[in-house]
Protein backbone atom coordinates (compact mmCIF):
# COMPACT_ATOMS: atom_id res chain seq x y z
CA MET A 1 -6.15 8.89 -5.24
CA LEU A 2 -4.75 9.20 -1.59
CA LEU A 3 -6.66 9.75 1.93
CA THR A 4 -5.66 9.74 5.52
CA ALA A 5 -6.75 7.17 7.82
CA ASP A 6 -9.69 8.69 9.64
CA ALA A 7 -10.95 10.02 5.90
CA THR A 8 -10.63 6.06 4.40
CA ARG A 9 -13.11 5.14 7.71
CA THR A 10 -15.26 7.65 7.10
CA ILE A 11 -15.92 7.11 3.38
CA GLN A 12 -16.03 2.93 3.69
CA GLY A 13 -18.66 4.22 6.63
CA ASN A 14 -20.80 6.27 4.27
CA SER A 15 -20.57 3.40 1.62
CA GLY A 16 -22.64 1.19 3.87
CA LEU A 17 -20.00 -0.67 5.36
CA THR A 18 -18.72 -1.23 8.87
CA ILE A 19 -15.56 -1.79 10.00
CA ARG A 20 -14.61 -5.07 11.69
CA ALA A 21 -11.06 -4.73 12.05
CA TRP A 22 -8.06 -2.03 11.70
CA ARG A 23 -4.47 -1.79 11.73
CA ASP A 24 -2.45 0.72 10.71
CA VAL A 25 1.18 -1.24 9.47
CA SER A 26 3.19 1.73 8.56
CA GLU A 27 5.70 1.09 10.31
CA GLU A 28 6.09 -2.49 9.83
CA SER A 29 5.91 -1.40 5.96
CA ARG A 30 8.48 0.96 6.13
CA LYS A 31 11.03 -1.31 7.91
CA LEU A 32 10.04 -3.64 5.22
CA PHE A 33 10.40 -1.34 2.36
CA ALA A 34 13.92 0.02 3.94
CA ALA A 35 15.49 -3.88 3.76
CA LEU A 36 14.27 -4.92 0.50
CA LYS A 37 16.85 -4.78 -2.08
CA PRO A 38 15.56 -4.69 -5.77
CA PRO A 39 16.29 -7.48 -7.86
CA SER A 40 18.81 -7.33 -10.84
CA GLN A 41 16.85 -8.93 -13.11
CA PRO A 42 12.86 -9.47 -12.49
CA ALA A 43 11.59 -12.44 -13.25
CA LYS A 44 9.67 -13.64 -16.12
CA LEU A 45 6.46 -13.61 -14.78
CA GLY A 46 5.33 -11.80 -11.74
CA LEU A 47 2.70 -8.72 -11.20
CA HIS A 48 5.29 -6.62 -12.54
CA LEU A 49 4.05 -7.72 -16.03
CA LEU A 50 0.33 -5.58 -15.66
CA PRO A 51 1.69 -2.11 -14.99
CA GLY A 52 3.73 -2.49 -18.17
CA PRO A 53 7.72 -1.18 -18.51
CA ASP A 54 7.60 1.23 -16.04
CA PHE A 55 6.98 -0.75 -12.95
CA ARG A 56 10.64 -0.69 -11.48
CA ILE A 57 10.08 3.30 -11.74
CA MET A 58 7.40 3.23 -10.15
CA ALA A 59 7.80 0.40 -7.44
CA GLY A 60 10.76 2.50 -6.49
CA ASN A 61 9.35 5.78 -6.16
CA PHE A 62 5.91 3.31 -4.21
CA ALA A 63 8.94 2.32 -1.45
CA ARG A 64 10.62 5.90 -1.47
CA ASN A 65 7.17 7.02 -0.35
CA VAL A 66 6.77 4.68 2.79
CA THR A 67 10.19 4.83 3.90
CA ASP A 68 10.11 8.57 3.56
CA GLY A 69 6.70 8.51 5.72
CA ARG A 70 4.70 10.30 2.90
CA VAL A 71 2.34 7.38 2.38
CA GLY A 72 1.06 4.93 5.41
CA LEU A 73 -0.32 1.71 4.89
CA LEU A 74 -3.22 0.28 6.66
CA MET A 75 -4.88 -3.13 6.78
CA ALA A 76 -8.78 -3.00 7.04
CA VAL A 77 -11.71 -5.83 7.35
CA ALA A 78 -14.94 -4.99 6.24
CA ALA A 79 -18.52 -5.87 6.07
CA LYS A 80 -21.41 -4.74 4.11
CA SER A 81 -23.63 -3.00 6.61
């Protein structure tokens, strides 16, 4: 489920969390994903093993959504209220 930044902040607040830090890293992420080149061969061990054989396709779709600005990324620190 994707939410706007405001909706995410609201849900966290309604869940009994207090936002301590909030940083939109969408622009930095766009630059990073635009500069990344997929490896010719995946590593033998890594996180790519968890989602399965379609990971390369899923990662490519996610990277394209980030670089096209359809998905934003944020970093937040929340504490239980």
